[in-house]
Every structure is written in structure tokens, then in C-alpha cells.
Amino acid sequence: MRDRLVVGRRELASIRSEKTIVLALVIQLFIAAFSSFLVVGLVSLYSPSASQGDYVVDVGVAGNASDDLAPVVANDRRNAVVYPSESTALAAFTNADVDALLLANQYPDGHVEVSAYAPEGSFRTTLVVVQLKDVLSDYERQLRDELSGQLTREPIRLPPESSGSTYYGFTYTILLPLLMFLPAFISGSVVADTLSEELERGTFELLRVTPLSVPEIVDGKSLAMIALAPAQAALWLAFLGLNGIRVDHPLPILVLTTALAAVLVGGGAALALRLGERRETQLVYSFGAIGVFALASLLPESPQNAVAKLAVGSTTDLTYPTIAGFVLAAIACFALARHVAGGME
């Protein structure tokens, strides 16, 4: 074990010479340390309406169904301006008298067609489009309620309206999982890169003249990278806490991060030992890691959801079994890497 630790310390020391890895760590540190400031800007991209503030959108309405649509448009963030004709409404929109335009016409068969007009690309356009989407969704719900008695079959149900905070939704479902899983991805990438580079350059043979076996060498390199992931994640959680972002169950989150790091590190080490070329290993590892996250998202409870639920203290019956499943997968991947290494003796 002492010899493995020597190899691990050497591996950690070599990270300082990898500028790409150091830059990735600095970026994560910056995001975690100044998360309360960054989240405001990121939320504006994730959901522009969350940063709309006191901005009110003037929406022109015209067409023979304008009397039904105008009350839906008008609220505290939108003003409805009704025009007597479509040509008048289009002229007003062209002259920038209104921010957006809706032309609503009901046909003899009962269906309603709404044409939406928004200004060309700008941040204002994004806010306008978000408001128009809300109007059309509300109008659809209203028409469904009014015409429900004429239906001969049950239509597809609309998703329920969400009343949750966009800020907290973004923080716990996107930012927190991102900061927890990036260290695992980087750890696997470092192991795959260093092992394949040493095999490609022939420097790996120098390690084989030591008393350590190949599996023990791989153990030292892998364990160092696996330990680095939860260490980073713990630091990010501390910075998030300083920024007022509360995380209820940090220990299970760190266990999940460690397990995922072991999965990626074990897979990366096995690929490096099998392929032996740096470029091919990195390419296959990148696609493989993306595949792991994609497949994990199909689970009854994905790791992203597990982290979010643990952070807000709303765990389900599947949360801890999900963590246990990734721990077992980590053991299997680590055993696979040692098996491949043993074949090189």
C-alpha cells in the first residue's frame, strides 16, 4: 500500500503540469466560489422570464377572435392593445408601437389559428417570445375548457403548470449536479490520458522495473484520481454553502460522486491499457463517458435527480438504492481495470 501511495502522490503532482486540467479546476472553483452571482446570469439564459424584472411587453391583438384572446394576454407583465384590423395591427408592429403581435382568427369549423410576430434577434426578443409562449399556452387551456363539452374522445392532457422558483430549480437541478460530476469526468480523463501517454512513449516500462506489479501501478494512479473527485466536490459544496446554497445531505452526495469517479476512472484505465494510444483512448473515453451519463439518465432515478433530491432533503425510496447501484458498478469497473492490467504482466 505504501508503494501505491507513492505512485498516487506522483500522479497528483503531475497534474500541476497539465494546464488544461488546472484550467478546468480553476473554472469550477470560480463557479462554486461566486455561484450566487453567476446563477443570476445563468438563470437568465436558462429561463429569460426569471430575469425580466419590471419590463412589460406590449402585445398587439387583431382578428375576429381578438375579443377572446385579449383578456388572456393582459396581466401584470403584458399589455393587450386591440386593433380593429390586421393591416392596422401590422402597421403598428412595423412602426414598433408594440413589442409583439398576435393575429387570432376563428374559422367556421371552430378551430382557431393564431399567428405570432416578434422583433428580430435581441435579448428583448427572447423576453417577448417567452411571454408569447405563455399567452398561447394559457389560451390553449382556455379553449380546451370551453370546448370540452364538444369532445368525442379524451385529448392528450397538458402538463401541469409549474409554480416553482426558477432560481432554485436551476441551482439544484443543473448547477449542483454539474459541479459534483465534472470532477469525476476529469479524474477519468486524467487516468486515461496519463496511462495511454506513458504506454505510447514507453515510459510505463520504467515503472514496471519497480517492485510493483502492473495492477498495483494502476491501483496507485487510479486511487489518487478517485480520491481527488470527492475532495473537489467537498470544496465546491463548502463554497456553495458560503454563498447561501444549502445542501442537506452532503455525505451521500460525496459517496455518489466517488462511485461515479471510480466508474469513469476504472473504465478510462481499462481503455488506456487496452488501446495504448493517447488520441484513440481520449476519443473512446469521451464518447463512453457521454454514454454512461446518457444511460444513467434513463434509470428510474438518474444520478442528477438523486443529487438534487439529496441536496433539498427530499429523498425517495430509489435514492439510496441508486447510490448503492453506482457503488457496485464502481467496484466492477475497478475490478475490470485490474483484470486488464493483470493481463499485461
Protein backbone atom coordinates (compact mmCIF):
# COMPACT_ATOMS: atom_id res chain seq x y z
CA MET A 1 0.00 0.00 0.00
CA ARG A 2 2.89 2.35 0.73
CA ASP A 3 4.24 1.87 -2.79
CA ARG A 4 0.80 2.50 -4.24
CA LEU A 5 0.61 5.77 -2.29
CA VAL A 6 3.97 6.83 -3.74
CA VAL A 7 2.62 6.26 -7.23
CA GLY A 8 -0.55 8.16 -6.31
CA ARG A 9 1.38 11.17 -4.96
CA ARG A 10 3.47 11.23 -8.13
CA GLU A 11 0.28 11.18 -10.19
CA LEU A 12 -1.24 14.08 -8.25
CA ALA A 13 1.96 16.09 -8.55
CA SER A 14 1.98 15.63 -12.32
CA ILE A 15 -1.45 17.28 -12.61
CA ARG A 16 0.13 20.69 -11.97
CA SER A 17 1.94 20.44 -15.31
CA GLU A 18 -1.32 19.75 -17.17
CA LYS A 19 -2.56 23.26 -17.97
CA THR A 20 -5.87 22.06 -19.40
CA ILE A 21 -6.73 20.15 -16.21
CA VAL A 22 -5.64 23.03 -13.97
CA LEU A 23 -7.75 25.46 -16.01
CA ALA A 24 -10.78 23.18 -15.68
CA LEU A 25 -10.29 23.08 -11.90
CA VAL A 26 -9.95 26.87 -11.73
CA ILE A 27 -13.16 27.33 -13.73
CA GLN A 28 -15.04 25.00 -11.37
CA LEU A 29 -13.56 26.84 -8.38
CA PHE A 30 -14.71 30.16 -9.81
CA ILE A 31 -18.24 28.86 -10.43
CA ALA A 32 -18.51 27.40 -6.92
CA ALA A 33 -16.96 30.41 -5.16
CA PHE A 34 -19.11 33.01 -6.93
CA SER A 35 -22.17 30.88 -7.59
CA SER A 36 -24.66 33.36 -6.14
CA PHE A 37 -23.55 35.98 -8.68
CA LEU A 38 -23.18 33.62 -11.62
CA VAL A 39 -26.50 31.87 -11.11
CA VAL A 40 -28.35 35.14 -11.75
CA GLY A 41 -26.80 35.41 -15.21
CA LEU A 42 -27.10 31.70 -15.93
CA VAL A 43 -30.76 31.66 -14.94
CA SER A 44 -31.40 34.48 -17.40
CA LEU A 45 -30.14 32.17 -20.15
CA TYR A 46 -31.91 29.10 -18.74
CA SER A 47 -35.22 30.95 -18.27
CA PRO A 48 -35.20 34.56 -19.53
CA SER A 49 -38.55 35.36 -17.91
CA ALA A 50 -36.96 34.88 -14.49
CA SER A 51 -34.80 37.98 -15.03
CA GLN A 52 -37.47 40.10 -16.71
CA GLY A 53 -37.94 42.32 -13.70
CA ASP A 54 -40.41 45.19 -14.26
CA TYR A 55 -40.25 45.00 -18.06
CA VAL A 56 -43.79 44.95 -19.52
CA VAL A 57 -44.44 43.62 -23.03
CA ASP A 58 -46.96 45.46 -25.20
CA VAL A 59 -48.77 42.88 -27.35
CA GLY A 60 -50.96 43.91 -30.28
CA VAL A 61 -54.04 41.74 -30.87
CA ALA A 62 -56.18 41.63 -34.02
CA GLY A 63 -58.50 39.23 -35.88
CA ASN A 64 -62.04 38.00 -35.37
CA ALA A 65 -61.00 36.08 -32.23
CA SER A 66 -59.23 39.06 -30.65
CA ASP A 67 -62.02 39.59 -28.09
CA ASP A 68 -61.35 36.12 -26.66
CA LEU A 69 -57.55 36.41 -26.82
CA ALA A 70 -57.08 39.93 -25.42
CA PRO A 71 -58.17 39.05 -21.83
CA VAL A 72 -55.68 36.17 -21.83
CA VAL A 73 -52.87 38.48 -22.95
CA ALA A 74 -53.45 41.16 -20.33
CA ASN A 75 -51.71 40.63 -16.99
CA ASP A 76 -49.08 42.35 -14.84
CA ARG A 77 -46.31 41.61 -17.36
CA ARG A 78 -48.24 42.17 -20.58
CA ASN A 79 -50.43 44.90 -22.02
CA ALA A 80 -53.00 43.98 -24.66
CA VAL A 81 -53.54 46.54 -27.42
CA VAL A 82 -56.54 45.59 -29.61
CA TYR A 83 -56.59 46.80 -33.22
CA PRO A 84 -59.69 46.91 -35.45
CA SER A 85 -57.97 45.24 -38.43
CA GLU A 86 -54.98 43.11 -39.21
CA SER A 87 -53.48 45.74 -41.52
CA THR A 88 -53.61 48.35 -38.74
CA ALA A 89 -52.02 45.91 -36.31
CA LEU A 90 -49.24 45.01 -38.76
CA ALA A 91 -48.53 48.70 -39.36
CA ALA A 92 -48.30 49.30 -35.61
CA PHE A 93 -45.90 46.38 -35.19
CA THR A 94 -43.77 47.60 -38.11
CA ASN A 95 -43.56 51.05 -36.52
CA ALA A 96 -42.54 49.47 -33.17
CA ASP A 97 -45.66 50.79 -31.44
CA VAL A 98 -46.00 47.33 -29.85
CA ASP A 99 -43.37 44.74 -28.89
CA ALA A 100 -45.24 41.77 -30.39
CA LEU A 101 -48.30 40.96 -32.41
CA LEU A 102 -50.89 38.17 -32.30
CA LEU A 103 -53.38 37.68 -35.14
CA ALA A 104 -56.16 35.34 -33.99
CA ASN A 105 -58.84 34.10 -36.37
CA GLN A 106 -61.59 31.56 -35.73
CA TYR A 107 -62.84 29.58 -38.72
CA PRO A 108 -66.36 28.22 -39.36
CA ASP A 109 -65.34 24.71 -38.29
CA GLY A 110 -64.47 26.08 -34.85
CA HIS A 111 -60.70 25.88 -34.79
CA VAL A 112 -58.64 28.99 -34.02
CA GLU A 113 -55.41 29.95 -35.79
CA VAL A 114 -53.02 32.38 -34.08
CA SER A 115 -50.08 33.94 -35.93
CA ALA A 116 -47.38 35.43 -33.68
CA TYR A 117 -44.95 38.18 -34.64
CA ALA A 118 -41.84 39.07 -32.62
CA PRO A 119 -38.97 41.53 -33.28
CA GLU A 120 -35.72 40.30 -34.80
CA GLY A 121 -32.93 38.85 -32.68
CA SER A 122 -32.03 40.61 -29.43
CA PHE A 123 -32.35 39.94 -25.72
CA ARG A 124 -35.70 41.77 -25.85
CA THR A 125 -36.80 39.25 -28.47
CA THR A 126 -36.13 36.40 -26.05
CA LEU A 127 -38.27 38.02 -23.36
CA VAL A 128 -41.06 38.70 -25.87
CA VAL A 129 -41.03 35.12 -27.18
CA VAL A 130 -41.23 33.74 -23.64
CA GLN A 131 -44.30 35.90 -22.96
CA LEU A 132 -45.93 34.86 -26.26
CA LYS A 133 -45.41 31.19 -25.38
CA ASP A 134 -47.13 31.78 -22.05
CA VAL A 135 -50.04 33.52 -23.80
CA LEU A 136 -50.53 30.70 -26.29
CA SER A 137 -50.35 28.07 -23.55
CA ASP A 138 -52.94 29.91 -21.45
CA TYR A 139 -55.17 30.44 -24.49
CA GLU A 140 -54.97 26.74 -25.36
CA ARG A 141 -56.02 25.81 -21.85
CA GLN A 142 -58.92 28.24 -22.01
CA LEU A 143 -60.15 26.84 -25.34
CA ARG A 144 -59.84 23.29 -24.03
CA ASP A 145 -62.06 24.17 -21.08
CA GLU A 146 -64.62 25.98 -23.24
CA LEU A 147 -64.85 23.24 -25.86
CA SER A 148 -64.55 20.24 -23.57
CA GLY A 149 -68.28 19.52 -23.90
CA GLN A 150 -67.92 19.02 -27.66
CA LEU A 151 -65.15 16.45 -27.44
CA THR A 152 -65.89 12.91 -28.58
CA ARG A 153 -62.66 11.49 -27.16
CA GLU A 154 -60.19 12.36 -24.43
CA PRO A 155 -57.31 14.53 -25.80
CA ILE A 156 -53.73 14.37 -24.63
CA ARG A 157 -53.52 16.03 -21.25
CA LEU A 158 -51.40 19.16 -20.92
CA PRO A 159 -48.52 19.06 -18.43
CA PRO A 160 -49.34 20.68 -15.10
CA GLU A 161 -48.36 24.30 -14.62
CA SER A 162 -45.23 24.78 -12.55
CA SER A 163 -45.08 27.36 -9.79
CA GLY A 164 -41.58 26.60 -8.51
CA SER A 165 -38.69 29.06 -8.28
CA THR A 166 -36.54 29.15 -11.41
CA TYR A 167 -33.52 30.21 -9.34
CA TYR A 168 -33.67 27.21 -7.03
CA GLY A 169 -34.67 24.88 -9.85
CA PHE A 170 -31.58 25.85 -11.83
CA THR A 171 -29.30 25.76 -8.79
CA TYR A 172 -30.27 22.29 -7.56
CA THR A 173 -31.03 20.51 -10.84
CA ILE A 174 -28.28 21.89 -13.08
CA LEU A 175 -25.54 23.78 -11.23
CA LEU A 176 -25.10 21.38 -8.30
CA PRO A 177 -25.00 18.14 -10.38
CA LEU A 178 -22.63 19.85 -12.80
CA LEU A 179 -20.18 20.71 -10.01
CA MET A 180 -20.49 17.23 -8.49
CA PHE A 181 -19.97 15.24 -11.69
CA LEU A 182 -17.34 17.31 -13.51
CA PRO A 183 -14.59 16.21 -11.07
CA ALA A 184 -15.49 12.57 -11.77
CA PHE A 185 -15.29 13.13 -15.53
CA ILE A 186 -11.94 14.91 -15.19
CA SER A 187 -10.49 12.17 -12.96
CA GLY A 188 -11.33 9.50 -15.52
CA SER A 189 -9.90 11.66 -18.31
CA VAL A 190 -6.63 12.19 -16.41
CA VAL A 191 -6.15 8.47 -15.79
CA ALA A 192 -6.92 7.60 -19.40
CA ASP A 193 -4.59 10.33 -20.65
CA THR A 194 -1.61 9.63 -18.39
CA LEU A 195 -1.68 5.86 -18.77
CA SER A 196 -2.04 5.97 -22.56
CA GLU A 197 0.68 8.63 -22.84
CA GLU A 198 3.11 6.58 -20.76
CA LEU A 199 2.33 3.46 -22.80
CA GLU A 200 2.72 5.39 -26.07
CA ARG A 201 6.05 6.96 -25.07
CA GLY A 202 7.39 3.81 -23.44
CA THR A 203 7.85 5.41 -20.01
CA PHE A 204 5.41 2.93 -18.49
CA GLU A 205 8.12 0.29 -18.79
CA LEU A 206 10.22 2.26 -16.30
CA LEU A 207 7.51 1.75 -13.67
CA ARG A 208 7.47 -1.98 -14.38
CA VAL A 209 11.09 -2.34 -13.22
CA THR A 210 9.97 -1.33 -9.71
CA PRO A 211 8.80 -4.00 -7.23
CA LEU A 212 5.22 -3.07 -8.05
CA SER A 213 3.13 -5.22 -10.38
CA VAL A 214 1.12 -3.67 -13.20
CA PRO A 215 -2.18 -3.95 -11.26
CA GLU A 216 -0.55 -2.21 -8.29
CA ILE A 217 0.71 0.59 -10.53
CA VAL A 218 -2.78 1.04 -11.92
CA ASP A 219 -4.14 0.96 -8.36
CA GLY A 220 -1.87 3.83 -7.33
CA LYS A 221 -2.77 6.01 -10.31
CA SER A 222 -6.48 5.21 -10.12
CA LEU A 223 -6.92 5.63 -6.37
CA ALA A 224 -5.27 9.07 -6.49
CA MET A 225 -7.72 10.27 -9.14
CA ILE A 226 -10.71 8.69 -7.42
CA ALA A 227 -9.79 10.46 -4.17
CA LEU A 228 -9.40 13.78 -5.99
CA ALA A 229 -13.03 13.83 -7.19
CA PRO A 230 -14.80 13.85 -3.76
CA ALA A 231 -12.14 16.24 -2.43
CA GLN A 232 -13.06 18.72 -5.18
CA ALA A 233 -16.77 18.10 -4.69
CA ALA A 234 -16.49 18.72 -0.94
CA LEU A 235 -14.70 22.00 -1.61
CA TRP A 236 -17.40 23.05 -4.10
CA LEU A 237 -20.11 22.21 -1.55
CA ALA A 238 -18.32 24.37 1.02
CA PHE A 239 -18.22 27.31 -1.37
CA LEU A 240 -21.87 26.83 -2.29
CA GLY A 241 -22.70 26.90 1.42
CA LEU A 242 -20.81 30.18 1.82
CA ASN A 243 -22.95 31.57 -1.00
CA GLY A 244 -26.15 30.64 0.83
CA ILE A 245 -26.95 27.48 -1.17
CA ARG A 246 -27.94 24.87 1.40
CA VAL A 247 -27.19 21.18 0.81
CA ASP A 248 -29.00 18.86 3.24
CA HIS A 249 -27.20 15.52 2.69
CA PRO A 250 -23.61 16.21 1.61
CA LEU A 251 -22.17 12.82 2.65
CA PRO A 252 -24.38 10.65 0.36
CA ILE A 253 -23.71 13.13 -2.47
CA LEU A 254 -19.96 12.69 -1.97
CA VAL A 255 -20.40 8.91 -1.93
CA LEU A 256 -22.23 9.09 -5.25
CA THR A 257 -19.54 11.37 -6.69
CA THR A 258 -16.83 8.96 -5.54
CA ALA A 259 -18.67 5.97 -7.02
CA LEU A 260 -19.15 7.72 -10.35
CA ALA A 261 -15.49 8.75 -10.35
CA ALA A 262 -14.50 5.12 -9.76
CA VAL A 263 -16.69 4.02 -12.68
CA LEU A 264 -15.09 6.53 -15.04
CA VAL A 265 -11.55 6.03 -13.71
CA GLY A 266 -11.83 2.25 -13.96
CA GLY A 267 -13.24 2.49 -17.47
CA GLY A 268 -10.62 5.04 -18.51
CA ALA A 269 -7.76 2.93 -17.14
CA ALA A 270 -9.05 -0.21 -18.88
CA LEU A 271 -9.33 1.67 -22.20
CA ALA A 272 -5.84 3.12 -21.88
CA LEU A 273 -4.29 -0.27 -21.11
CA ARG A 274 -6.19 -1.93 -23.95
CA LEU A 275 -5.72 0.71 -26.66
CA GLY A 276 -2.34 2.11 -25.64
CA GLU A 277 -2.61 5.24 -27.85
CA ARG A 278 -3.45 8.61 -26.36
CA ARG A 279 -5.65 10.00 -29.14
CA GLU A 280 -7.75 6.89 -29.54
CA THR A 281 -8.12 6.46 -25.79
CA GLN A 282 -9.33 10.02 -25.24
CA LEU A 283 -11.81 9.76 -28.11
CA VAL A 284 -13.28 6.47 -26.92
CA TYR A 285 -13.29 7.65 -23.29
CA SER A 286 -15.16 10.86 -24.16
CA PHE A 287 -17.86 9.01 -26.08
CA GLY A 288 -18.00 6.33 -23.39
CA ALA A 289 -18.42 8.88 -20.59
CA ILE A 290 -21.21 10.61 -22.51
CA GLY A 291 -22.83 7.21 -23.00
CA VAL A 292 -22.60 6.48 -19.27
CA PHE A 293 -24.39 9.72 -18.38
CA ALA A 294 -26.96 9.17 -21.13
CA LEU A 295 -27.75 5.64 -19.93
CA ALA A 296 -27.79 6.79 -16.30
CA SER A 297 -30.42 9.40 -17.17
CA LEU A 298 -32.72 6.55 -18.25
CA LEU A 299 -32.65 4.96 -14.80
CA PRO A 300 -35.78 5.18 -12.62
CA GLU A 301 -33.84 7.80 -10.67
CA SER A 302 -30.88 9.30 -12.50
CA PRO A 303 -27.78 10.42 -10.56
CA GLN A 304 -28.64 14.05 -11.40
CA ASN A 305 -32.04 13.66 -9.78
CA ALA A 306 -30.53 11.80 -6.85
CA VAL A 307 -28.10 14.68 -6.18
CA ALA A 308 -30.89 17.27 -6.45
CA LYS A 309 -33.18 15.32 -4.11
CA LEU A 310 -30.43 14.75 -1.58
CA ALA A 311 -29.50 18.43 -1.68
CA VAL A 312 -33.03 19.63 -0.93
CA GLY A 313 -33.72 16.83 1.57
CA SER A 314 -36.45 15.20 -0.49
CA THR A 315 -35.18 11.66 -0.98
CA THR A 316 -37.34 8.84 -2.33
CA ASP A 317 -37.26 5.06 -1.96
CA LEU A 318 -34.99 4.91 -5.05
CA THR A 319 -32.38 7.47 -3.99
CA TYR A 320 -30.18 5.31 -1.78
CA PRO A 321 -30.57 2.17 -3.96
CA THR A 322 -29.33 4.33 -6.86
CA ILE A 323 -26.23 5.23 -4.85
CA ALA A 324 -25.72 1.57 -3.91
CA GLY A 325 -26.04 0.57 -7.57
CA PHE A 326 -23.30 3.00 -8.58
CA VAL A 327 -21.07 1.74 -5.75
CA LEU A 328 -21.43 -1.80 -7.14
CA ALA A 329 -20.76 -0.52 -10.65
CA ALA A 330 -17.64 1.24 -9.35
CA ILE A 331 -16.34 -1.99 -7.81
CA ALA A 332 -16.98 -3.80 -11.09
CA CYS A 333 -15.20 -1.17 -13.21
CA PHE A 334 -12.24 -1.05 -10.85
CA ALA A 335 -12.02 -4.85 -10.95
CA LEU A 336 -12.14 -4.69 -14.76
CA ALA A 337 -9.20 -2.29 -14.85
CA ARG A 338 -7.17 -4.55 -12.56
CA HIS A 339 -8.07 -7.57 -14.70
CA VAL A 340 -6.85 -5.83 -17.86
CA ALA A 341 -3.71 -4.74 -16.03
CA GLY A 342 -3.10 -8.28 -14.84
CA GLY A 343 -3.14 -9.45 -18.44
CA MET A 344 -0.12 -7.23 -19.14
CA GLU A 345 2.13 -9.00 -16.64
